[in-house]
Amino acid sequence: METRKYHKFVDTEVVFREFPDEITLAINISNCPCHCPGCHSQELAEDIGEELTEERLDELITSNKAITCIGFMGGDSNPREIIELAKYVREKYPKLHRGWYSGRSVFPMNHGVFDYIKLGPYIEEKGGLDKKTTNQRMYMKVSGNDKNASFADITEKAFWAPKPWDPDYFEYMENKEKEAKTENE
């Protein structure tokens, strides 16, 4: 029987922007194989930190009662393990959403266990998700199961579109309505 190889994590933080409309416990996973030049978390390339077992995940979740989402920030060195941890969260905490920040460019197998997936390596000159020039994309599950899920690209809506409290929100919405009318003609 094969011994399970758990990911290690360096730290956690409750964040509000990584996954839209969620209060996320972001878990920073180490041993990243992507080594993106300009990465803001270069220390995560090292195999450091504490093992992220189901028991440790339970402790992290129960000590952060207000969260609505678990965000696995990394884990590309062993996607299968991230998927297993996401399945565990779904089974034990069915009200919690699950998200994954991956530096890969394609969806992993059985990715339907996630509600959100960020794909794409960080390319410094293109910027992160908050830049319209980015190569990275944020996807949200819209239907399906673990093996056959459909995801929609929500990058623009989640990261670039003005929010109702922004001064240019109403102008942005008017332009979007005009674009929709033009497409329907």
Protein backbone atom coordinates (compact mmCIF):
# COMPACT_ATOMS: atom_id res chain seq x y z
CA MET A 1 0.00 0.00 0.00
CA GLU A 2 1.35 3.39 -1.02
CA THR A 3 1.99 5.93 1.74
CA ARG A 4 0.07 9.14 1.24
CA LYS A 5 2.23 12.18 0.50
CA TYR A 6 0.60 15.25 1.96
CA HIS A 7 1.34 18.75 0.76
CA LYS A 8 3.03 21.14 3.14
CA PHE A 9 1.70 24.59 3.85
CA VAL A 10 3.56 27.66 5.04
CA ASP A 11 0.76 29.81 6.41
CA THR A 12 -2.90 30.76 6.13
CA GLU A 13 -4.77 34.01 5.88
CA VAL A 14 -8.42 35.01 5.69
CA VAL A 15 -8.82 36.96 2.44
CA PHE A 16 -11.70 38.64 0.62
CA ARG A 17 -10.57 39.12 -2.97
CA GLU A 18 -9.10 35.83 -4.22
CA PHE A 19 -12.49 34.23 -4.90
CA PRO A 20 -15.45 36.51 -5.66
CA ASP A 21 -18.05 37.12 -2.95
CA GLU A 22 -16.30 34.72 -0.58
CA ILE A 23 -14.60 34.97 2.80
CA THR A 24 -11.73 32.62 2.05
CA LEU A 25 -9.26 30.80 4.22
CA ALA A 26 -6.28 30.88 1.85
CA ILE A 27 -3.80 28.07 2.54
CA ASN A 28 -0.38 28.76 1.02
CA ILE A 29 0.99 25.43 -0.25
CA SER A 30 4.77 25.03 -0.64
CA ASN A 31 6.92 23.05 -3.11
CA CYS A 32 5.58 24.91 -6.15
CA PRO A 33 7.13 23.52 -9.34
CA CYS A 34 6.20 26.53 -11.50
CA HIS A 35 9.01 28.94 -10.43
CA CYS A 36 7.38 31.94 -12.14
CA PRO A 37 9.84 34.87 -12.48
CA GLY A 38 8.57 37.79 -10.39
CA CYS A 39 6.33 35.60 -8.22
CA HIS A 40 5.29 37.46 -5.05
CA SER A 41 5.56 34.22 -3.03
CA GLN A 42 8.92 32.81 -4.13
CA GLU A 43 9.39 31.13 -0.75
CA LEU A 44 6.60 28.73 -1.74
CA ALA A 45 8.93 27.13 -4.29
CA GLU A 46 10.77 25.47 -1.39
CA ASP A 47 9.53 22.24 0.22
CA ILE A 48 8.90 23.84 3.61
CA GLY A 49 6.18 24.06 6.24
CA GLU A 50 3.80 21.77 8.02
CA GLU A 51 1.95 18.80 6.49
CA LEU A 52 -1.62 19.61 5.47
CA THR A 53 -3.43 16.52 6.74
CA GLU A 54 -7.19 16.21 7.11
CA GLU A 55 -6.78 16.65 10.88
CA ARG A 56 -4.81 19.89 10.41
CA LEU A 57 -7.34 21.09 7.84
CA ASP A 58 -10.12 20.46 10.40
CA GLU A 59 -8.25 22.59 12.94
CA LEU A 60 -7.80 25.43 10.45
CA ILE A 61 -11.47 25.37 9.43
CA THR A 62 -12.89 25.19 12.95
CA SER A 63 -10.68 28.06 14.11
CA ASN A 64 -11.99 30.29 11.28
CA LYS A 65 -15.77 30.10 11.74
CA ALA A 66 -16.80 32.98 9.42
CA ILE A 67 -15.23 31.57 6.24
CA THR A 68 -17.31 30.59 3.21
CA CYS A 69 -14.49 29.12 1.08
CA ILE A 70 -11.24 27.17 1.37
CA GLY A 71 -8.59 28.36 -1.09
CA PHE A 72 -5.70 26.06 -1.91
CA MET A 73 -3.03 28.50 -3.08
CA GLY A 74 -0.72 26.21 -5.03
CA GLY A 75 -0.34 22.46 -4.97
CA ASP A 76 0.79 21.96 -8.55
CA SER A 77 3.48 19.51 -7.49
CA ASN A 78 0.76 16.97 -6.61
CA PRO A 79 -2.67 17.95 -8.03
CA ARG A 80 -4.17 14.61 -7.03
CA GLU A 81 -3.56 15.41 -3.35
CA ILE A 82 -5.18 18.85 -3.65
CA ILE A 83 -8.21 17.20 -5.25
CA GLU A 84 -8.39 14.65 -2.40
CA LEU A 85 -8.27 17.46 0.19
CA ALA A 86 -11.00 19.36 -1.69
CA LYS A 87 -13.16 16.22 -1.73
CA TYR A 88 -12.63 15.88 2.02
CA VAL A 89 -13.73 19.50 2.57
CA ARG A 90 -16.81 18.98 0.39
CA GLU A 91 -17.82 15.82 2.29
CA LYS A 92 -17.18 17.10 5.82
CA TYR A 93 -18.09 20.79 5.29
CA PRO A 94 -20.67 20.80 2.48
CA LYS A 95 -21.49 24.51 2.89
CA LEU A 96 -17.88 25.59 2.26
CA HIS A 97 -16.89 26.41 -1.30
CA ARG A 98 -13.54 25.18 -2.61
CA GLY A 99 -11.10 27.08 -4.78
CA TRP A 100 -7.67 26.40 -6.23
CA TYR A 101 -4.99 28.79 -7.49
CA SER A 102 -2.94 26.80 -9.98
CA GLY A 103 0.00 27.94 -12.06
CA ARG A 104 -0.88 25.38 -14.71
CA SER A 105 -2.55 26.36 -17.98
CA VAL A 106 -5.04 23.49 -18.23
CA PHE A 107 -7.66 22.05 -15.93
CA PRO A 108 -6.56 18.99 -13.94
CA MET A 109 -8.43 15.70 -14.13
CA ASN A 110 -11.49 15.51 -11.84
CA HIS A 111 -11.47 19.27 -11.32
CA GLY A 112 -15.24 19.41 -10.75
CA VAL A 113 -14.72 19.09 -7.00
CA PHE A 114 -13.80 22.81 -7.03
CA ASP A 115 -16.19 25.75 -7.23
CA TYR A 116 -13.42 28.07 -8.48
CA ILE A 117 -10.12 27.51 -10.27
CA LYS A 118 -7.52 30.13 -11.19
CA LEU A 119 -5.34 28.93 -14.05
CA GLY A 120 -2.16 30.32 -15.55
CA PRO A 121 1.41 30.96 -14.50
CA TYR A 122 2.33 34.43 -13.29
CA ILE A 123 4.00 36.36 -16.11
CA GLU A 124 5.41 39.53 -14.61
CA GLU A 125 4.96 41.78 -17.66
CA LYS A 126 1.30 40.68 -17.99
CA GLY A 127 0.42 41.10 -14.32
CA GLY A 128 -1.97 39.26 -12.04
CA LEU A 129 -5.73 38.82 -12.15
CA ASP A 130 -6.32 42.49 -11.37
CA LYS A 131 -4.71 43.55 -14.68
CA LYS A 132 -6.61 43.37 -17.98
CA THR A 133 -3.36 42.30 -19.66
CA THR A 134 -3.04 39.14 -17.57
CA ASN A 135 -2.79 35.66 -19.03
CA GLN A 136 -4.34 34.23 -15.84
CA ARG A 137 -8.05 33.36 -15.76
CA MET A 138 -10.53 32.73 -12.96
CA TYR A 139 -13.17 30.09 -13.63
CA MET A 140 -16.33 29.28 -11.69
CA LYS A 141 -18.16 25.97 -11.84
CA VAL A 142 -21.57 26.33 -13.44
CA SER A 143 -22.66 22.68 -13.76
CA GLY A 144 -21.58 19.06 -13.74
CA ASN A 145 -19.86 16.61 -11.46
CA ASP A 146 -16.26 15.83 -10.44
CA LYS A 147 -15.29 14.27 -13.76
CA ASN A 148 -17.47 16.23 -16.15
CA ALA A 149 -17.86 19.82 -14.97
CA SER A 150 -18.46 23.02 -16.91
CA PHE A 151 -16.71 26.19 -15.84
CA ALA A 152 -17.27 29.79 -16.95
CA ASP A 153 -14.51 32.40 -17.23
CA ILE A 154 -15.43 35.08 -14.66
CA THR A 155 -12.16 37.01 -14.73
CA GLU A 156 -13.61 40.24 -16.11
CA LYS A 157 -16.65 40.29 -13.86
CA ALA A 158 -14.78 39.31 -10.71
CA PHE A 159 -11.64 41.40 -11.04
CA TRP A 160 -11.98 44.17 -13.63
CA ALA A 161 -15.57 45.32 -13.57
CA PRO A 162 -16.30 48.29 -11.32
CA LYS A 163 -18.36 47.55 -8.23
CA PRO A 164 -21.59 49.45 -7.40
CA TRP A 165 -19.68 51.76 -5.06
CA ASP A 166 -17.11 52.73 -7.72
CA PRO A 167 -17.62 56.18 -9.36
CA ASP A 168 -17.61 54.73 -12.90
CA TYR A 169 -19.95 51.80 -12.18
CA PHE A 170 -23.05 53.20 -13.92
CA GLU A 171 -21.11 54.21 -17.03
CA TYR A 172 -19.60 50.72 -17.17
CA MET A 173 -23.05 49.10 -16.88
CA GLU A 174 -24.49 51.33 -19.62
CA ASN A 175 -21.63 50.32 -21.94
CA LYS A 176 -22.20 46.64 -21.16
CA GLU A 177 -25.90 47.01 -22.01
CA LYS A 178 -25.02 48.68 -25.33
CA GLU A 179 -22.57 45.87 -26.12
CA ALA A 180 -25.23 43.25 -25.38
CA LYS A 181 -27.78 45.01 -27.62
CA THR A 182 -25.24 45.23 -30.45
CA GLU A 183 -24.43 41.51 -30.16
CA ASN A 184 -28.14 40.61 -30.25
CA GLU A 185 -28.87 42.62 -33.41
